[in-house]
Amino acid sequence: MSKGNILIIEDDRQTVKLLKFILEKDDYSPISAKDGEEGLQMAREKKPDLVILDLMLPGMDGYQVCETLKADPILNRYRL
């Protein structure tokens, strides 16, 4: 049984691979997005328990993603 869903928003594939390996080993269910827009869409669809967010993303940077998550009434359960 999974301890929780974790969304990884990260553009570096090796970092995502490593984080997924570590999280799965500890019985978490990680999902990933390669940029901010995809990350926001996945957050709205999957409603993860935790978001691991890279700050230096292509297009929308991590700060913008964080502000959007905080301002979104659907996702306002996040305490960022």
N, C-alpha and C. Protein backbone atom coordinates (compact mmCIF):
# COMPACT_ATOMS: atom_id res chain seq x y z
N MET A 1 0.84 -1.18 0.00
CA MET A 1 0.00 0.00 0.00
C MET A 1 0.89 1.25 0.00
N SER A 2 0.54 2.20 -0.83
CA SER A 2 1.33 3.42 -0.97
C SER A 2 1.16 4.36 0.23
N LYS A 3 2.24 4.98 0.61
CA LYS A 3 2.19 5.99 1.69
C LYS A 3 1.59 7.30 1.20
N GLY A 4 1.63 7.53 -0.11
CA GLY A 4 1.08 8.77 -0.67
C GLY A 4 1.59 9.00 -2.07
N ASN A 5 0.93 9.92 -2.77
CA ASN A 5 1.32 10.29 -4.12
C ASN A 5 2.20 11.54 -4.08
N ILE A 6 3.29 11.50 -4.82
CA ILE A 6 4.22 12.62 -4.86
C ILE A 6 4.43 13.03 -6.31
N LEU A 7 4.20 14.30 -6.59
CA LEU A 7 4.42 14.86 -7.91
C LEU A 7 5.80 15.50 -7.95
N ILE A 8 6.61 15.07 -8.91
CA ILE A 8 7.94 15.62 -9.12
C ILE A 8 7.87 16.49 -10.37
N ILE A 9 8.13 17.79 -10.23
CA ILE A 9 8.15 18.68 -11.38
C ILE A 9 9.62 19.04 -11.60
N GLU A 10 10.22 18.40 -12.59
CA GLU A 10 11.67 18.49 -12.81
C GLU A 10 11.96 18.20 -14.28
N ASP A 11 12.83 19.00 -14.89
CA ASP A 11 13.14 18.81 -16.30
C ASP A 11 14.35 17.90 -16.55
N ASP A 12 15.12 17.60 -15.54
CA ASP A 12 16.29 16.73 -15.70
C ASP A 12 15.87 15.27 -15.49
N ARG A 13 15.95 14.48 -16.56
CA ARG A 13 15.46 13.10 -16.51
C ARG A 13 16.21 12.23 -15.51
N GLN A 14 17.50 12.45 -15.35
CA GLN A 14 18.27 11.65 -14.40
C GLN A 14 17.84 11.94 -12.96
N THR A 15 17.58 13.20 -12.67
CA THR A 15 17.10 13.57 -11.33
C THR A 15 15.75 12.93 -11.05
N VAL A 16 14.87 12.96 -12.03
CA VAL A 16 13.54 12.34 -11.88
C VAL A 16 13.70 10.84 -11.65
N LYS A 17 14.55 10.21 -12.43
CA LYS A 17 14.77 8.77 -12.29
C LYS A 17 15.26 8.43 -10.88
N LEU A 18 16.22 9.19 -10.37
CA LEU A 18 16.75 8.96 -9.03
C LEU A 18 15.68 9.18 -7.96
N LEU A 19 14.95 10.28 -8.05
CA LEU A 19 13.89 10.56 -7.06
C LEU A 19 12.82 9.48 -7.08
N LYS A 20 12.42 9.05 -8.27
CA LYS A 20 11.41 7.98 -8.35
C LYS A 20 11.91 6.70 -7.70
N PHE A 21 13.16 6.36 -7.96
CA PHE A 21 13.74 5.15 -7.37
C PHE A 21 13.69 5.22 -5.85
N ILE A 22 14.14 6.33 -5.29
CA ILE A 22 14.16 6.50 -3.83
C ILE A 22 12.75 6.47 -3.25
N LEU A 23 11.84 7.17 -3.88
CA LEU A 23 10.47 7.25 -3.36
C LEU A 23 9.74 5.91 -3.46
N GLU A 24 9.91 5.22 -4.57
CA GLU A 24 9.26 3.91 -4.73
C GLU A 24 9.81 2.91 -3.72
N LYS A 25 11.11 3.00 -3.44
CA LYS A 25 11.73 2.12 -2.45
C LYS A 25 11.09 2.31 -1.07
N ASP A 26 10.64 3.53 -0.77
CA ASP A 26 10.00 3.84 0.50
C ASP A 26 8.47 3.79 0.43
N ASP A 27 7.95 3.11 -0.59
CA ASP A 27 6.51 2.86 -0.75
C ASP A 27 5.66 4.09 -1.06
N TYR A 28 6.25 5.08 -1.72
CA TYR A 28 5.47 6.21 -2.22
C TYR A 28 5.16 5.96 -3.69
N SER A 29 4.17 6.67 -4.21
CA SER A 29 3.80 6.57 -5.62
C SER A 29 4.15 7.88 -6.32
N PRO A 30 5.34 7.96 -6.91
CA PRO A 30 5.74 9.19 -7.58
C PRO A 30 5.20 9.28 -9.01
N ILE A 31 4.84 10.49 -9.41
CA ILE A 31 4.51 10.82 -10.79
C ILE A 31 5.36 12.02 -11.15
N SER A 32 5.58 12.26 -12.43
CA SER A 32 6.48 13.36 -12.79
C SER A 32 5.96 14.17 -13.96
N ALA A 33 6.41 15.41 -14.00
CA ALA A 33 6.12 16.34 -15.09
C ALA A 33 7.43 17.02 -15.46
N LYS A 34 7.60 17.29 -16.76
CA LYS A 34 8.87 17.84 -17.24
C LYS A 34 8.93 19.36 -17.27
N ASP A 35 7.80 20.04 -17.05
CA ASP A 35 7.80 21.50 -17.02
C ASP A 35 6.65 21.99 -16.15
N GLY A 36 6.61 23.29 -15.94
CA GLY A 36 5.61 23.88 -15.04
C GLY A 36 4.18 23.70 -15.49
N GLU A 37 3.93 23.90 -16.77
CA GLU A 37 2.56 23.77 -17.28
C GLU A 37 2.04 22.35 -17.10
N GLU A 38 2.88 21.37 -17.46
CA GLU A 38 2.48 19.97 -17.29
C GLU A 38 2.31 19.65 -15.81
N GLY A 39 3.18 20.21 -14.97
CA GLY A 39 3.10 19.98 -13.54
C GLY A 39 1.80 20.51 -12.95
N LEU A 40 1.38 21.69 -13.37
CA LEU A 40 0.12 22.26 -12.88
C LEU A 40 -1.06 21.41 -13.32
N GLN A 41 -1.03 20.96 -14.55
CA GLN A 41 -2.10 20.11 -15.06
C GLN A 41 -2.17 18.80 -14.26
N MET A 42 -1.02 18.20 -14.01
CA MET A 42 -1.00 16.94 -13.25
C MET A 42 -1.44 17.16 -11.80
N ALA A 43 -1.05 18.29 -11.22
CA ALA A 43 -1.47 18.58 -9.85
C ALA A 43 -2.99 18.69 -9.77
N ARG A 44 -3.59 19.33 -10.76
CA ARG A 44 -5.05 19.47 -10.77
C ARG A 44 -5.75 18.13 -10.97
N GLU A 45 -5.17 17.28 -11.82
CA GLU A 45 -5.79 15.99 -12.12
C GLU A 45 -5.57 14.96 -11.02
N LYS A 46 -4.33 14.87 -10.53
CA LYS A 46 -3.95 13.79 -9.60
C LYS A 46 -4.06 14.17 -8.13
N LYS A 47 -4.07 15.45 -7.83
CA LYS A 47 -4.14 15.95 -6.45
C LYS A 47 -3.13 15.23 -5.53
N PRO A 48 -1.84 15.41 -5.81
CA PRO A 48 -0.81 14.70 -5.03
C PRO A 48 -0.75 15.18 -3.58
N ASP A 49 -0.18 14.33 -2.73
CA ASP A 49 -0.01 14.66 -1.32
C ASP A 49 1.18 15.61 -1.11
N LEU A 50 2.14 15.58 -2.03
CA LEU A 50 3.35 16.38 -1.92
C LEU A 50 3.85 16.72 -3.32
N VAL A 51 4.42 17.91 -3.47
CA VAL A 51 5.03 18.31 -4.74
C VAL A 51 6.50 18.61 -4.50
N ILE A 52 7.36 17.98 -5.28
CA ILE A 52 8.79 18.30 -5.29
C ILE A 52 8.99 19.14 -6.55
N LEU A 53 9.41 20.38 -6.37
CA LEU A 53 9.41 21.36 -7.46
C LEU A 53 10.80 21.94 -7.70
N ASP A 54 11.28 21.78 -8.94
CA ASP A 54 12.52 22.41 -9.37
C ASP A 54 12.23 23.89 -9.62
N LEU A 55 13.15 24.76 -9.27
CA LEU A 55 12.94 26.19 -9.50
C LEU A 55 13.31 26.62 -10.91
N MET A 56 14.31 25.99 -11.49
CA MET A 56 14.78 26.39 -12.82
C MET A 56 14.21 25.46 -13.88
N LEU A 57 12.97 25.76 -14.30
CA LEU A 57 12.27 24.97 -15.29
C LEU A 57 12.17 25.74 -16.60
N PRO A 58 12.04 25.04 -17.73
CA PRO A 58 11.82 25.74 -18.99
C PRO A 58 10.42 26.36 -19.01
N GLY A 59 10.29 27.51 -19.65
CA GLY A 59 8.99 28.18 -19.71
C GLY A 59 8.64 28.80 -18.37
N MET A 60 7.63 28.27 -17.73
CA MET A 60 7.20 28.75 -16.42
C MET A 60 8.17 28.22 -15.36
N ASP A 61 8.81 29.14 -14.63
CA ASP A 61 9.78 28.68 -13.62
C ASP A 61 9.07 28.19 -12.36
N GLY A 62 9.84 27.58 -11.47
CA GLY A 62 9.29 26.99 -10.26
C GLY A 62 8.58 27.99 -9.35
N TYR A 63 9.07 29.22 -9.31
CA TYR A 63 8.41 30.25 -8.50
C TYR A 63 7.01 30.53 -9.01
N GLN A 64 6.87 30.61 -10.33
CA GLN A 64 5.56 30.85 -10.93
C GLN A 64 4.63 29.66 -10.68
N VAL A 65 5.16 28.46 -10.78
CA VAL A 65 4.36 27.26 -10.52
C VAL A 65 3.87 27.28 -9.08
N CYS A 66 4.76 27.61 -8.16
CA CYS A 66 4.41 27.65 -6.74
C CYS A 66 3.31 28.68 -6.48
N GLU A 67 3.46 29.86 -7.03
CA GLU A 67 2.44 30.90 -6.85
C GLU A 67 1.09 30.47 -7.44
N THR A 68 1.13 29.81 -8.59
CA THR A 68 -0.11 29.35 -9.21
C THR A 68 -0.77 28.26 -8.37
N LEU A 69 0.02 27.34 -7.84
CA LEU A 69 -0.52 26.30 -6.95
C LEU A 69 -1.18 26.93 -5.72
N LYS A 70 -0.52 27.93 -5.15
CA LYS A 70 -1.06 28.58 -3.95
C LYS A 70 -2.35 29.34 -4.24
N ALA A 71 -2.46 29.92 -5.43
CA ALA A 71 -3.61 30.75 -5.77
C ALA A 71 -4.79 29.95 -6.32
N ASP A 72 -4.58 28.71 -6.71
CA ASP A 72 -5.62 27.90 -7.32
C ASP A 72 -6.58 27.38 -6.25
N PRO A 73 -7.87 27.74 -6.33
CA PRO A 73 -8.81 27.28 -5.30
C PRO A 73 -8.99 25.77 -5.26
N ILE A 74 -8.75 25.09 -6.37
CA ILE A 74 -8.85 23.63 -6.39
C ILE A 74 -7.70 23.01 -5.61
N LEU A 75 -6.56 23.69 -5.61
CA LEU A 75 -5.36 23.16 -4.98
C LEU A 75 -4.99 23.91 -3.69
N ASN A 76 -5.89 24.68 -3.16
CA ASN A 76 -5.56 25.53 -2.01
C ASN A 76 -5.28 24.74 -0.73
N ARG A 77 -5.37 23.42 -0.78
CA ARG A 77 -5.01 22.63 0.40
C ARG A 77 -3.51 22.57 0.61
N TYR A 78 -2.75 22.99 -0.42
CA TYR A 78 -1.29 23.00 -0.28
C TYR A 78 -0.85 24.15 0.60
N ARG A 79 0.05 23.87 1.48
CA ARG A 79 0.64 24.89 2.34
C ARG A 79 2.09 25.07 1.93
N LEU A 80 2.31 25.93 0.94
CA LEU A 80 3.65 26.12 0.36
C LEU A 80 4.37 27.27 1.00
